[in-house]
Amino acid sequence: MKLVMFDMDGTLIDTASLISEHMATTFAGAGLEVPTPAQSRRVIGLSLPQAMLQLLGTDDIALADKLAEDYRAHYRAALVSSEGREGLFPGARQALDVLHDREDMLLGIATGKGLHGVHRLTQLHGIAEHFSTLQTPDHNPSKPHPGMMLRAMAETGADKDRTVIIGDTTFDMEMGKAAGTKTIGVTWGYHHPDELRGAGADVLVDRYADLPAVIDRLLEH
């Protein structure tokens, strides 16, 4: 059985502007210097506390945890006004349908987003039943630690040479490499393609239509 793991933000769902806005609101509310949109994009994919630590540039874990809670509150409060701003990237739904129909393949998610948000978004887009395993910071270390991939393989019984992570950040590529799996970088997300190559991406894809064939080639070796 092949196991195909997807990152969410920047890979399946385009949430960069929304996340940047909520980061700005969170930091401004705490009287801190507001991160730029570019700075916020750089930390998308990490767990919220880890993202806050990077943006703060300190090791103040208590402050990072407080900012993470504030951010979650802002995000929840803005869900109604944010309607339509958490869309799937073009071609994502079609690719997921194709892969889900394969008898030799299981799909999963490995994301820095919390489990509640994963459930909400997969249900919103009608793709919840596509995924056999959901890995989040609720029960794993933050990327790039390999824990999410290792747990997904343990849950599904998949071998590492038949498992791939698809993501848009160096965190995804480093996580996959640390777990011993294959890695596919997508070029429509939040880290530059050269960075993905440097972090160990086995292959890059520029559009979702190419993904099923690339997965087959990568996992047949």
N, C-alpha and C. Protein backbone atom coordinates (compact mmCIF):
# COMPACT_ATOMS: atom_id res chain seq x y z
N MET A 1 0.84 -1.20 0.00
CA MET A 1 0.00 0.00 0.00
C MET A 1 0.88 1.25 0.00
N LYS A 2 0.55 2.19 -0.86
CA LYS A 2 1.26 3.46 -0.90
C LYS A 2 0.56 4.46 0.02
N LEU A 3 1.35 5.26 0.72
CA LEU A 3 0.81 6.28 1.61
C LEU A 3 1.25 7.65 1.10
N VAL A 4 0.27 8.47 0.77
CA VAL A 4 0.53 9.81 0.23
C VAL A 4 0.05 10.85 1.24
N MET A 5 1.00 11.54 1.85
CA MET A 5 0.70 12.53 2.88
C MET A 5 0.75 13.94 2.29
N PHE A 6 -0.22 14.75 2.66
CA PHE A 6 -0.31 16.13 2.19
C PHE A 6 -0.16 17.11 3.35
N ASP A 7 0.66 18.14 3.12
CA ASP A 7 0.59 19.33 3.96
C ASP A 7 -0.70 20.06 3.61
N MET A 8 -1.14 20.98 4.47
CA MET A 8 -2.38 21.72 4.17
C MET A 8 -2.11 23.15 3.68
N ASP A 9 -1.70 24.05 4.60
CA ASP A 9 -1.53 25.46 4.24
C ASP A 9 -0.40 25.62 3.22
N GLY A 10 -0.71 26.16 2.06
CA GLY A 10 0.29 26.37 1.03
C GLY A 10 0.42 25.22 0.07
N THR A 11 -0.19 24.08 0.41
CA THR A 11 -0.15 22.90 -0.47
C THR A 11 -1.55 22.56 -0.96
N LEU A 12 -2.47 22.30 -0.04
CA LEU A 12 -3.86 22.06 -0.41
C LEU A 12 -4.68 23.34 -0.41
N ILE A 13 -4.43 24.18 0.60
CA ILE A 13 -5.30 25.34 0.84
C ILE A 13 -4.48 26.62 0.87
N ASP A 14 -4.99 27.66 0.20
CA ASP A 14 -4.29 28.95 0.11
C ASP A 14 -4.77 29.87 1.23
N THR A 15 -3.99 29.95 2.29
CA THR A 15 -4.39 30.72 3.47
C THR A 15 -3.38 31.79 3.85
N ALA A 16 -2.42 32.10 2.97
CA ALA A 16 -1.32 32.99 3.35
C ALA A 16 -1.80 34.36 3.80
N SER A 17 -2.69 34.99 3.03
CA SER A 17 -3.11 36.35 3.38
C SER A 17 -3.89 36.36 4.69
N LEU A 18 -4.71 35.34 4.90
CA LEU A 18 -5.50 35.25 6.12
C LEU A 18 -4.60 35.05 7.33
N ILE A 19 -3.64 34.15 7.22
CA ILE A 19 -2.72 33.90 8.33
C ILE A 19 -1.90 35.15 8.64
N SER A 20 -1.42 35.84 7.61
CA SER A 20 -0.63 37.05 7.81
C SER A 20 -1.44 38.11 8.55
N GLU A 21 -2.69 38.26 8.19
CA GLU A 21 -3.56 39.25 8.85
C GLU A 21 -3.75 38.92 10.33
N HIS A 22 -3.98 37.65 10.62
CA HIS A 22 -4.20 37.26 12.01
C HIS A 22 -2.91 37.35 12.83
N MET A 23 -1.77 37.09 12.21
CA MET A 23 -0.49 37.29 12.89
C MET A 23 -0.31 38.76 13.25
N ALA A 24 -0.62 39.64 12.30
CA ALA A 24 -0.48 41.08 12.53
C ALA A 24 -1.38 41.53 13.67
N THR A 25 -2.62 41.06 13.67
CA THR A 25 -3.57 41.43 14.72
C THR A 25 -3.09 40.93 16.08
N THR A 26 -2.57 39.70 16.11
CA THR A 26 -2.10 39.10 17.36
C THR A 26 -0.92 39.88 17.94
N PHE A 27 0.07 40.17 17.12
CA PHE A 27 1.26 40.88 17.61
C PHE A 27 0.93 42.32 17.99
N ALA A 28 0.08 42.97 17.20
CA ALA A 28 -0.30 44.34 17.52
C ALA A 28 -1.06 44.39 18.84
N GLY A 29 -1.93 43.41 19.06
CA GLY A 29 -2.71 43.36 20.29
C GLY A 29 -1.85 43.15 21.52
N ALA A 30 -0.68 42.55 21.34
CA ALA A 30 0.25 42.31 22.45
C ALA A 30 1.28 43.44 22.58
N GLY A 31 1.13 44.47 21.75
CA GLY A 31 2.06 45.59 21.81
C GLY A 31 3.44 45.27 21.25
N LEU A 32 3.50 44.29 20.35
CA LEU A 32 4.76 43.86 19.77
C LEU A 32 4.88 44.33 18.32
N GLU A 33 6.09 44.34 17.82
CA GLU A 33 6.31 44.71 16.43
C GLU A 33 5.61 43.70 15.53
N VAL A 34 4.85 44.22 14.59
CA VAL A 34 4.03 43.36 13.73
C VAL A 34 4.90 42.72 12.64
N PRO A 35 4.84 41.41 12.49
CA PRO A 35 5.61 40.77 11.41
C PRO A 35 5.06 41.16 10.05
N THR A 36 5.94 41.23 9.07
CA THR A 36 5.50 41.52 7.71
C THR A 36 4.82 40.28 7.13
N PRO A 37 4.01 40.46 6.08
CA PRO A 37 3.43 39.28 5.43
C PRO A 37 4.48 38.26 5.00
N ALA A 38 5.62 38.75 4.51
CA ALA A 38 6.69 37.84 4.09
C ALA A 38 7.22 37.03 5.27
N GLN A 39 7.37 37.69 6.42
CA GLN A 39 7.84 36.98 7.61
C GLN A 39 6.82 35.93 8.07
N SER A 40 5.55 36.28 8.01
CA SER A 40 4.50 35.33 8.41
C SER A 40 4.46 34.14 7.48
N ARG A 41 4.63 34.37 6.18
CA ARG A 41 4.62 33.27 5.22
C ARG A 41 5.74 32.27 5.50
N ARG A 42 6.87 32.77 5.99
CA ARG A 42 8.04 31.91 6.21
C ARG A 42 7.78 30.85 7.29
N VAL A 43 6.89 31.14 8.23
CA VAL A 43 6.69 30.21 9.35
C VAL A 43 5.44 29.36 9.19
N ILE A 44 4.70 29.56 8.09
CA ILE A 44 3.52 28.73 7.86
C ILE A 44 3.97 27.28 7.68
N GLY A 45 3.33 26.39 8.41
CA GLY A 45 3.70 24.98 8.38
C GLY A 45 4.22 24.49 9.72
N LEU A 46 4.76 25.41 10.51
CA LEU A 46 5.19 25.06 11.86
C LEU A 46 3.98 25.03 12.79
N SER A 47 4.11 24.37 13.93
CA SER A 47 3.07 24.49 14.94
C SER A 47 3.01 25.95 15.39
N LEU A 48 1.87 26.39 15.88
CA LEU A 48 1.74 27.80 16.25
C LEU A 48 2.78 28.26 17.27
N PRO A 49 3.02 27.53 18.36
CA PRO A 49 4.05 28.00 19.31
C PRO A 49 5.42 28.14 18.66
N GLN A 50 5.78 27.18 17.79
CA GLN A 50 7.08 27.25 17.12
C GLN A 50 7.13 28.43 16.15
N ALA A 51 6.02 28.67 15.46
CA ALA A 51 5.95 29.82 14.55
C ALA A 51 6.13 31.12 15.31
N MET A 52 5.48 31.21 16.47
CA MET A 52 5.59 32.42 17.28
C MET A 52 7.02 32.63 17.77
N LEU A 53 7.67 31.55 18.18
CA LEU A 53 9.06 31.66 18.64
C LEU A 53 9.95 32.20 17.53
N GLN A 54 9.75 31.71 16.32
CA GLN A 54 10.57 32.19 15.21
C GLN A 54 10.30 33.66 14.91
N LEU A 55 9.05 34.06 14.94
CA LEU A 55 8.71 35.46 14.66
C LEU A 55 9.22 36.38 15.77
N LEU A 56 9.18 35.89 17.00
CA LEU A 56 9.67 36.69 18.12
C LEU A 56 11.19 36.81 18.10
N GLY A 57 11.85 35.76 17.61
CA GLY A 57 13.31 35.75 17.63
C GLY A 57 13.87 35.57 19.02
N THR A 58 13.08 34.94 19.90
CA THR A 58 13.51 34.68 21.27
C THR A 58 13.16 33.24 21.65
N ASP A 59 13.53 32.85 22.86
CA ASP A 59 13.15 31.53 23.35
C ASP A 59 12.13 31.65 24.49
N ASP A 60 11.33 32.73 24.46
CA ASP A 60 10.31 32.97 25.48
C ASP A 60 9.09 32.10 25.19
N ILE A 61 9.14 30.88 25.70
CA ILE A 61 8.09 29.90 25.40
C ILE A 61 6.74 30.35 25.95
N ALA A 62 6.74 30.96 27.13
CA ALA A 62 5.48 31.40 27.73
C ALA A 62 4.80 32.45 26.86
N LEU A 63 5.58 33.40 26.36
CA LEU A 63 5.02 34.44 25.48
C LEU A 63 4.54 33.82 24.18
N ALA A 64 5.31 32.89 23.62
CA ALA A 64 4.91 32.24 22.37
C ALA A 64 3.60 31.49 22.55
N ASP A 65 3.45 30.80 23.67
CA ASP A 65 2.19 30.07 23.94
C ASP A 65 1.02 31.03 24.07
N LYS A 66 1.26 32.18 24.73
CA LYS A 66 0.19 33.17 24.88
C LYS A 66 -0.20 33.74 23.52
N LEU A 67 0.76 34.06 22.69
CA LEU A 67 0.46 34.57 21.35
C LEU A 67 -0.28 33.53 20.52
N ALA A 68 0.10 32.25 20.68
CA ALA A 68 -0.59 31.19 19.94
C ALA A 68 -2.06 31.12 20.34
N GLU A 69 -2.34 31.25 21.63
CA GLU A 69 -3.74 31.24 22.09
C GLU A 69 -4.49 32.45 21.55
N ASP A 70 -3.85 33.62 21.58
CA ASP A 70 -4.48 34.83 21.04
C ASP A 70 -4.77 34.67 19.55
N TYR A 71 -3.82 34.11 18.84
CA TYR A 71 -4.00 33.90 17.40
C TYR A 71 -5.20 32.99 17.13
N ARG A 72 -5.29 31.89 17.88
CA ARG A 72 -6.42 30.96 17.70
C ARG A 72 -7.75 31.68 17.94
N ALA A 73 -7.77 32.54 18.96
CA ALA A 73 -8.99 33.28 19.26
C ALA A 73 -9.36 34.22 18.12
N HIS A 74 -8.37 34.93 17.56
CA HIS A 74 -8.63 35.81 16.42
C HIS A 74 -9.13 35.01 15.22
N TYR A 75 -8.51 33.86 14.98
CA TYR A 75 -8.89 33.05 13.83
C TYR A 75 -10.34 32.57 13.97
N ARG A 76 -10.68 32.07 15.16
CA ARG A 76 -12.05 31.59 15.38
C ARG A 76 -13.06 32.72 15.25
N ALA A 77 -12.72 33.88 15.79
CA ALA A 77 -13.64 35.02 15.75
C ALA A 77 -13.88 35.52 14.33
N ALA A 78 -12.93 35.29 13.44
CA ALA A 78 -13.01 35.82 12.09
C ALA A 78 -13.52 34.80 11.07
N LEU A 79 -13.94 33.63 11.52
CA LEU A 79 -14.32 32.58 10.58
C LEU A 79 -15.45 33.01 9.64
N VAL A 80 -16.43 33.71 10.17
CA VAL A 80 -17.56 34.13 9.33
C VAL A 80 -17.10 35.12 8.27
N SER A 81 -16.35 36.14 8.70
CA SER A 81 -15.88 37.15 7.75
C SER A 81 -14.82 36.60 6.80
N SER A 82 -14.22 35.47 7.15
CA SER A 82 -13.17 34.87 6.32
C SER A 82 -13.73 33.90 5.30
N GLU A 83 -15.03 33.76 5.25
CA GLU A 83 -15.63 32.79 4.34
C GLU A 83 -15.16 33.03 2.90
N GLY A 84 -14.74 31.96 2.24
CA GLY A 84 -14.27 32.07 0.88
C GLY A 84 -12.79 32.38 0.75
N ARG A 85 -12.10 32.54 1.87
CA ARG A 85 -10.68 32.89 1.83
C ARG A 85 -9.78 31.73 2.25
N GLU A 86 -10.33 30.53 2.28
CA GLU A 86 -9.57 29.33 2.61
C GLU A 86 -9.80 28.28 1.52
N GLY A 87 -9.64 28.72 0.27
CA GLY A 87 -9.95 27.86 -0.85
C GLY A 87 -8.86 26.87 -1.19
N LEU A 88 -9.26 25.76 -1.81
CA LEU A 88 -8.31 24.79 -2.33
C LEU A 88 -7.56 25.40 -3.51
N PHE A 89 -6.31 25.04 -3.66
CA PHE A 89 -5.55 25.48 -4.83
C PHE A 89 -6.14 24.84 -6.09
N PRO A 90 -6.01 25.50 -7.24
CA PRO A 90 -6.56 24.95 -8.49
C PRO A 90 -6.05 23.54 -8.76
N GLY A 91 -6.99 22.65 -9.05
CA GLY A 91 -6.66 21.28 -9.38
C GLY A 91 -6.54 20.35 -8.19
N ALA A 92 -6.56 20.89 -6.98
CA ALA A 92 -6.36 20.04 -5.80
C ALA A 92 -7.47 19.02 -5.65
N ARG A 93 -8.71 19.47 -5.78
CA ARG A 93 -9.83 18.55 -5.58
C ARG A 93 -9.80 17.41 -6.60
N GLN A 94 -9.52 17.74 -7.85
CA GLN A 94 -9.48 16.72 -8.89
C GLN A 94 -8.38 15.70 -8.62
N ALA A 95 -7.20 16.17 -8.21
CA ALA A 95 -6.09 15.26 -7.92
C ALA A 95 -6.42 14.37 -6.72
N LEU A 96 -7.03 14.95 -5.70
CA LEU A 96 -7.41 14.15 -4.53
C LEU A 96 -8.42 13.07 -4.91
N ASP A 97 -9.36 13.41 -5.77
CA ASP A 97 -10.35 12.42 -6.21
C ASP A 97 -9.68 11.26 -6.94
N VAL A 98 -8.75 11.60 -7.84
CA VAL A 98 -8.05 10.57 -8.61
C VAL A 98 -7.26 9.64 -7.68
N LEU A 99 -6.53 10.24 -6.75
CA LEU A 99 -5.70 9.44 -5.85
C LEU A 99 -6.55 8.61 -4.88
N HIS A 100 -7.63 9.19 -4.42
CA HIS A 100 -8.50 8.50 -3.46
C HIS A 100 -9.15 7.27 -4.09
N ASP A 101 -9.36 7.31 -5.40
CA ASP A 101 -9.99 6.19 -6.09
C ASP A 101 -9.04 5.02 -6.34
N ARG A 102 -7.76 5.22 -6.08
CA ARG A 102 -6.77 4.17 -6.30
C ARG A 102 -6.83 3.13 -5.19
N GLU A 103 -6.91 1.88 -5.56
CA GLU A 103 -7.01 0.81 -4.57
C GLU A 103 -5.69 0.54 -3.85
N ASP A 104 -4.57 0.99 -4.46
CA ASP A 104 -3.25 0.72 -3.87
C ASP A 104 -2.72 1.90 -3.07
N MET A 105 -3.60 2.82 -2.70
CA MET A 105 -3.13 4.08 -2.13
C MET A 105 -4.01 4.56 -0.98
N LEU A 106 -3.36 5.05 0.08
CA LEU A 106 -4.04 5.73 1.18
C LEU A 106 -3.54 7.16 1.22
N LEU A 107 -4.42 8.09 1.59
CA LEU A 107 -4.07 9.50 1.70
C LEU A 107 -4.09 9.93 3.16
N GLY A 108 -3.24 10.90 3.49
CA GLY A 108 -3.20 11.44 4.84
C GLY A 108 -2.81 12.89 4.83
N ILE A 109 -2.89 13.51 6.00
CA ILE A 109 -2.52 14.92 6.18
C ILE A 109 -1.48 15.01 7.28
N ALA A 110 -0.47 15.85 7.03
CA ALA A 110 0.54 16.19 8.05
C ALA A 110 0.68 17.70 8.02
N THR A 111 0.21 18.37 9.07
CA THR A 111 0.08 19.82 9.03
C THR A 111 0.41 20.46 10.37
N GLY A 112 0.80 21.73 10.31
CA GLY A 112 1.00 22.51 11.52
C GLY A 112 -0.30 23.03 12.09
N LYS A 113 -1.38 22.88 11.34
CA LYS A 113 -2.70 23.32 11.78
C LYS A 113 -3.23 22.37 12.84
N GLY A 114 -4.00 22.89 13.77
CA GLY A 114 -4.60 22.05 14.80
C GLY A 114 -5.66 21.12 14.24
N LEU A 115 -5.95 20.05 14.97
CA LEU A 115 -6.88 19.03 14.50
C LEU A 115 -8.28 19.60 14.27
N HIS A 116 -8.70 20.51 15.14
CA HIS A 116 -10.02 21.13 14.97
C HIS A 116 -10.10 21.84 13.62
N GLY A 117 -9.05 22.58 13.27
CA GLY A 117 -9.04 23.29 12.00
C GLY A 117 -8.99 22.33 10.82
N VAL A 118 -8.27 21.22 10.96
CA VAL A 118 -8.21 20.23 9.90
C VAL A 118 -9.60 19.65 9.64
N HIS A 119 -10.29 19.27 10.71
CA HIS A 119 -11.65 18.74 10.55
C HIS A 119 -12.56 19.76 9.90
N ARG A 120 -12.48 21.01 10.34
CA ARG A 120 -13.35 22.05 9.80
C ARG A 120 -13.13 22.24 8.31
N LEU A 121 -11.87 22.31 7.89
CA LEU A 121 -11.57 22.59 6.49
C LEU A 121 -11.82 21.39 5.58
N THR A 122 -11.51 20.19 6.05
CA THR A 122 -11.78 19.02 5.21
C THR A 122 -13.28 18.81 5.04
N GLN A 123 -14.05 19.12 6.07
CA GLN A 123 -15.50 19.03 5.94
C GLN A 123 -16.06 20.16 5.06
N LEU A 124 -15.49 21.35 5.21
CA LEU A 124 -15.91 22.49 4.40
C LEU A 124 -15.77 22.19 2.91
N HIS A 125 -14.68 21.54 2.55
CA HIS A 125 -14.41 21.26 1.13
C HIS A 125 -14.87 19.87 0.69
N GLY A 126 -15.53 19.14 1.58
CA GLY A 126 -16.06 17.84 1.21
C GLY A 126 -15.01 16.79 0.91
N ILE A 127 -13.86 16.87 1.59
CA ILE A 127 -12.76 15.92 1.34
C ILE A 127 -12.38 15.13 2.58
N ALA A 128 -13.18 15.22 3.63
CA ALA A 128 -12.83 14.55 4.89
C ALA A 128 -12.64 13.05 4.71
N GLU A 129 -13.46 12.43 3.88
CA GLU A 129 -13.40 10.98 3.71
C GLU A 129 -12.24 10.53 2.83
N HIS A 130 -11.54 11.48 2.23
CA HIS A 130 -10.39 11.12 1.40
C HIS A 130 -9.19 10.65 2.23
N PHE A 131 -9.15 11.04 3.51
CA PHE A 131 -7.94 10.87 4.31
C PHE A 131 -8.08 9.79 5.37
N SER A 132 -7.11 8.89 5.39
CA SER A 132 -7.12 7.78 6.34
C SER A 132 -6.37 8.09 7.63
N THR A 133 -5.50 9.10 7.61
CA THR A 133 -4.72 9.45 8.81
C THR A 133 -4.51 10.96 8.84
N LEU A 134 -4.71 11.55 10.00
CA LEU A 134 -4.56 12.99 10.19
C LEU A 134 -3.51 13.24 11.27
N GLN A 135 -2.42 13.89 10.89
CA GLN A 135 -1.33 14.14 11.83
C GLN A 135 -1.16 15.65 12.03
N THR A 136 -1.26 16.07 13.28
CA THR A 136 -1.21 17.48 13.64
C THR A 136 -0.35 17.68 14.88
N PRO A 137 -0.07 18.94 15.26
CA PRO A 137 0.69 19.18 16.50
C PRO A 137 -0.07 18.81 17.77
N ASP A 138 -1.35 18.45 17.65
CA ASP A 138 -2.11 18.04 18.83
C ASP A 138 -1.51 16.79 19.46
N HIS A 139 -0.89 15.94 18.64
CA HIS A 139 -0.34 14.69 19.17
C HIS A 139 1.01 14.35 18.56
N ASN A 140 1.70 15.36 18.03
CA ASN A 140 3.03 15.17 17.45
C ASN A 140 3.90 16.40 17.70
N PRO A 141 5.23 16.24 17.64
CA PRO A 141 6.11 17.42 17.64
C PRO A 141 5.90 18.22 16.35
N SER A 142 6.27 19.48 16.38
CA SER A 142 6.17 20.33 15.19
C SER A 142 7.13 19.85 14.10
N LYS A 143 6.74 20.07 12.84
CA LYS A 143 7.70 19.92 11.75
C LYS A 143 8.90 20.82 12.07
N PRO A 144 10.11 20.44 11.63
CA PRO A 144 10.45 19.32 10.75
C PRO A 144 10.76 18.00 11.45
N HIS A 145 10.41 17.88 12.71
CA HIS A 145 10.55 16.59 13.39
C HIS A 145 9.78 15.53 12.60
N PRO A 146 10.30 14.32 12.48
CA PRO A 146 9.65 13.29 11.65
C PRO A 146 8.44 12.62 12.28
N GLY A 147 8.06 13.04 13.49
CA GLY A 147 7.01 12.35 14.22
C GLY A 147 5.71 12.16 13.46
N MET A 148 5.26 13.19 12.73
CA MET A 148 3.98 13.07 12.01
C MET A 148 4.05 11.95 10.97
N MET A 149 5.16 11.88 10.25
CA MET A 149 5.29 10.86 9.22
C MET A 149 5.43 9.47 9.84
N LEU A 150 6.20 9.37 10.89
CA LEU A 150 6.39 8.07 11.56
C LEU A 150 5.08 7.55 12.13
N ARG A 151 4.30 8.45 12.71
CA ARG A 151 3.02 8.03 13.29
C ARG A 151 2.03 7.62 12.20
N ALA A 152 2.04 8.37 11.08
CA ALA A 152 1.15 8.03 9.97
C ALA A 152 1.47 6.65 9.40
N MET A 153 2.77 6.36 9.27
CA MET A 153 3.16 5.04 8.76
C MET A 153 2.79 3.93 9.74
N ALA A 154 2.95 4.22 11.03
CA ALA A 154 2.59 3.22 12.04
C ALA A 154 1.08 2.95 12.02
N GLU A 155 0.29 3.99 11.84
CA GLU A 155 -1.18 3.84 11.83
C GLU A 155 -1.67 3.07 10.61
N THR A 156 -1.02 3.26 9.48
CA THR A 156 -1.50 2.67 8.23
C THR A 156 -0.76 1.39 7.83
N GLY A 157 0.38 1.15 8.46
CA GLY A 157 1.18 -0.02 8.10
C GLY A 157 2.01 0.17 6.85
N ALA A 158 2.17 1.40 6.40
CA ALA A 158 2.93 1.69 5.18
C ALA A 158 4.43 1.66 5.45
N ASP A 159 5.20 1.20 4.45
CA ASP A 159 6.66 1.22 4.53
C ASP A 159 7.17 2.59 4.08
N LYS A 160 8.33 2.98 4.59
CA LYS A 160 8.83 4.31 4.28
C LYS A 160 9.18 4.48 2.81
N ASP A 161 9.58 3.37 2.14
CA ASP A 161 9.91 3.50 0.72
C ASP A 161 8.68 3.53 -0.17
N ARG A 162 7.51 3.38 0.45
CA ARG A 162 6.23 3.50 -0.29
C ARG A 162 5.41 4.68 0.23
N THR A 163 6.09 5.61 0.89
CA THR A 163 5.42 6.75 1.50
C THR A 163 6.04 8.04 0.99
N VAL A 164 5.21 9.04 0.77
CA VAL A 164 5.69 10.33 0.27
C VAL A 164 4.96 11.46 1.00
N ILE A 165 5.67 12.56 1.24
CA ILE A 165 5.06 13.78 1.76
C ILE A 165 5.06 14.82 0.65
N ILE A 166 3.94 15.48 0.47
CA ILE A 166 3.79 16.53 -0.53
C ILE A 166 3.60 17.84 0.21
N GLY A 167 4.51 18.79 0.00
CA GLY A 167 4.44 20.04 0.74
C GLY A 167 5.10 21.19 0.01
N ASP A 168 4.92 22.37 0.58
CA ASP A 168 5.42 23.60 -0.07
C ASP A 168 6.55 24.26 0.69
N THR A 169 6.97 23.67 1.82
CA THR A 169 8.00 24.32 2.64
C THR A 169 9.18 23.39 2.90
N THR A 170 10.28 24.01 3.29
CA THR A 170 11.47 23.23 3.68
C THR A 170 11.16 22.35 4.88
N PHE A 171 10.22 22.78 5.73
CA PHE A 171 9.85 21.98 6.91
C PHE A 171 9.29 20.62 6.47
N ASP A 172 8.50 20.62 5.39
CA ASP A 172 7.92 19.38 4.89
C ASP A 172 9.00 18.47 4.33
N MET A 173 9.90 19.04 3.54
CA MET A 173 10.96 18.24 2.93
C MET A 173 11.88 17.66 4.01
N GLU A 174 12.25 18.48 4.98
CA GLU A 174 13.13 18.01 6.06
C GLU A 174 12.45 16.94 6.91
N MET A 175 11.15 17.10 7.14
CA MET A 175 10.40 16.09 7.90
C MET A 175 10.41 14.76 7.16
N GLY A 176 10.14 14.80 5.86
CA GLY A 176 10.12 13.57 5.08
C GLY A 176 11.47 12.89 5.05
N LYS A 177 12.51 13.67 4.84
CA LYS A 177 13.85 13.09 4.80
C LYS A 177 14.23 12.47 6.14
N ALA A 178 13.87 13.15 7.23
CA ALA A 178 14.18 12.62 8.55
C ALA A 178 13.44 11.31 8.83
N ALA A 179 12.26 11.17 8.21
CA ALA A 179 11.48 9.94 8.40
C ALA A 179 11.87 8.85 7.40
N GLY A 180 12.72 9.19 6.44
CA GLY A 180 13.15 8.20 5.46
C GLY A 180 12.20 8.00 4.30
N THR A 181 11.27 8.95 4.09
CA THR A 181 10.27 8.81 3.03
C THR A 181 10.67 9.63 1.80
N LYS A 182 9.89 9.49 0.74
CA LYS A 182 10.05 10.31 -0.45
C LYS A 182 9.44 11.69 -0.19
N THR A 183 9.88 12.67 -0.99
CA THR A 183 9.40 14.05 -0.80
C THR A 183 9.10 14.69 -2.14
N ILE A 184 7.95 15.35 -2.22
CA ILE A 184 7.56 16.11 -3.41
C ILE A 184 7.30 17.55 -2.98
N GLY A 185 8.00 18.48 -3.60
CA GLY A 185 7.78 19.89 -3.33
C GLY A 185 6.86 20.50 -4.37
N VAL A 186 5.92 21.33 -3.92
CA VAL A 186 5.02 22.03 -4.85
C VAL A 186 5.47 23.48 -4.96
N THR A 187 5.42 24.02 -6.18
CA THR A 187 6.00 25.33 -6.43
C THR A 187 5.00 26.47 -6.26
N TRP A 188 3.74 26.16 -5.94
CA TRP A 188 2.73 27.22 -5.80
C TRP A 188 2.56 27.70 -4.35
N GLY A 189 3.40 27.19 -3.44
CA GLY A 189 3.23 27.51 -2.02
C GLY A 189 4.10 28.64 -1.53
N TYR A 190 4.62 28.52 -0.30
CA TYR A 190 5.17 29.66 0.44
C TYR A 190 6.68 29.69 0.55
N HIS A 191 7.38 28.62 0.13
CA HIS A 191 8.85 28.64 0.08
C HIS A 191 9.31 28.49 -1.36
N HIS A 192 10.45 29.10 -1.68
CA HIS A 192 10.95 29.12 -3.05
C HIS A 192 11.37 27.72 -3.50
N PRO A 193 11.16 27.39 -4.79
CA PRO A 193 11.57 26.07 -5.29
C PRO A 193 13.03 25.72 -5.00
N ASP A 194 13.93 26.70 -5.09
CA ASP A 194 15.34 26.42 -4.80
C ASP A 194 15.54 25.99 -3.35
N GLU A 195 14.74 26.57 -2.45
CA GLU A 195 14.82 26.17 -1.05
C GLU A 195 14.33 24.73 -0.87
N LEU A 196 13.28 24.37 -1.60
CA LEU A 196 12.76 23.00 -1.50
C LEU A 196 13.79 22.00 -2.00
N ARG A 197 14.46 22.32 -3.10
CA ARG A 197 15.51 21.44 -3.60
C ARG A 197 16.63 21.31 -2.57
N GLY A 198 17.02 22.45 -1.99
CA GLY A 198 18.09 22.44 -1.01
C GLY A 198 17.74 21.65 0.24
N ALA A 199 16.44 21.56 0.55
CA ALA A 199 15.99 20.82 1.74
C ALA A 199 15.78 19.35 1.46
N GLY A 200 16.02 18.93 0.20
CA GLY A 200 15.96 17.51 -0.10
C GLY A 200 14.78 17.02 -0.90
N ALA A 201 14.04 17.93 -1.56
CA ALA A 201 12.91 17.48 -2.38
C ALA A 201 13.39 16.52 -3.46
N ASP A 202 12.74 15.36 -3.56
CA ASP A 202 13.10 14.40 -4.61
C ASP A 202 12.66 14.90 -5.98
N VAL A 203 11.57 15.63 -6.02
CA VAL A 203 11.05 16.16 -7.28
C VAL A 203 10.15 17.35 -6.95
N LEU A 204 10.03 18.29 -7.91
CA LEU A 204 9.12 19.42 -7.77
C LEU A 204 8.01 19.30 -8.80
N VAL A 205 6.81 19.74 -8.42
CA VAL A 205 5.70 19.78 -9.37
C VAL A 205 5.15 21.21 -9.42
N ASP A 206 4.73 21.61 -10.62
CA ASP A 206 4.23 22.96 -10.84
C ASP A 206 2.71 23.05 -10.90
N ARG A 207 2.05 21.90 -11.00
CA ARG A 207 0.58 21.91 -11.07
C ARG A 207 0.04 20.57 -10.59
N TYR A 208 -1.16 20.62 -10.06
CA TYR A 208 -1.77 19.42 -9.49
C TYR A 208 -2.01 18.33 -10.53
N ALA A 209 -2.26 18.72 -11.77
CA ALA A 209 -2.55 17.73 -12.80
C ALA A 209 -1.40 16.75 -12.99
N ASP A 210 -0.17 17.18 -12.68
CA ASP A 210 1.00 16.32 -12.86
C ASP A 210 1.25 15.39 -11.67
N LEU A 211 0.57 15.64 -10.56
CA LEU A 211 0.92 14.96 -9.32
C LEU A 211 0.73 13.45 -9.33
N PRO A 212 -0.41 12.92 -9.79
CA PRO A 212 -0.58 11.45 -9.73
C PRO A 212 0.53 10.69 -10.45
N ALA A 213 0.92 11.15 -11.65
CA ALA A 213 1.97 10.45 -12.40
C ALA A 213 3.31 10.55 -11.69
N VAL A 214 3.59 11.71 -11.09
CA VAL A 214 4.86 11.90 -10.36
C VAL A 214 4.91 10.97 -9.14
N ILE A 215 3.81 10.86 -8.43
CA ILE A 215 3.75 9.96 -7.27
C ILE A 215 4.04 8.53 -7.70
N ASP A 216 3.42 8.09 -8.79
CA ASP A 216 3.63 6.72 -9.27
C ASP A 216 5.09 6.46 -9.60
N ARG A 217 5.72 7.40 -10.31
CA ARG A 217 7.12 7.21 -10.67
C ARG A 217 8.02 7.15 -9.44
N LEU A 218 7.72 8.02 -8.47
CA LEU A 218 8.58 8.12 -7.29
C LEU A 218 8.47 6.89 -6.39
N LEU A 219 7.27 6.36 -6.26
CA LEU A 219 7.04 5.25 -5.33
C LEU A 219 7.23 3.89 -5.97
N GLU A 220 7.50 3.84 -7.26
CA GLU A 220 7.77 2.57 -7.91
C GLU A 220 9.22 2.16 -7.77
N HIS A 221 10.09 3.11 -7.41
CA HIS A 221 11.53 2.82 -7.33
C HIS A 221 11.88 2.20 -5.98
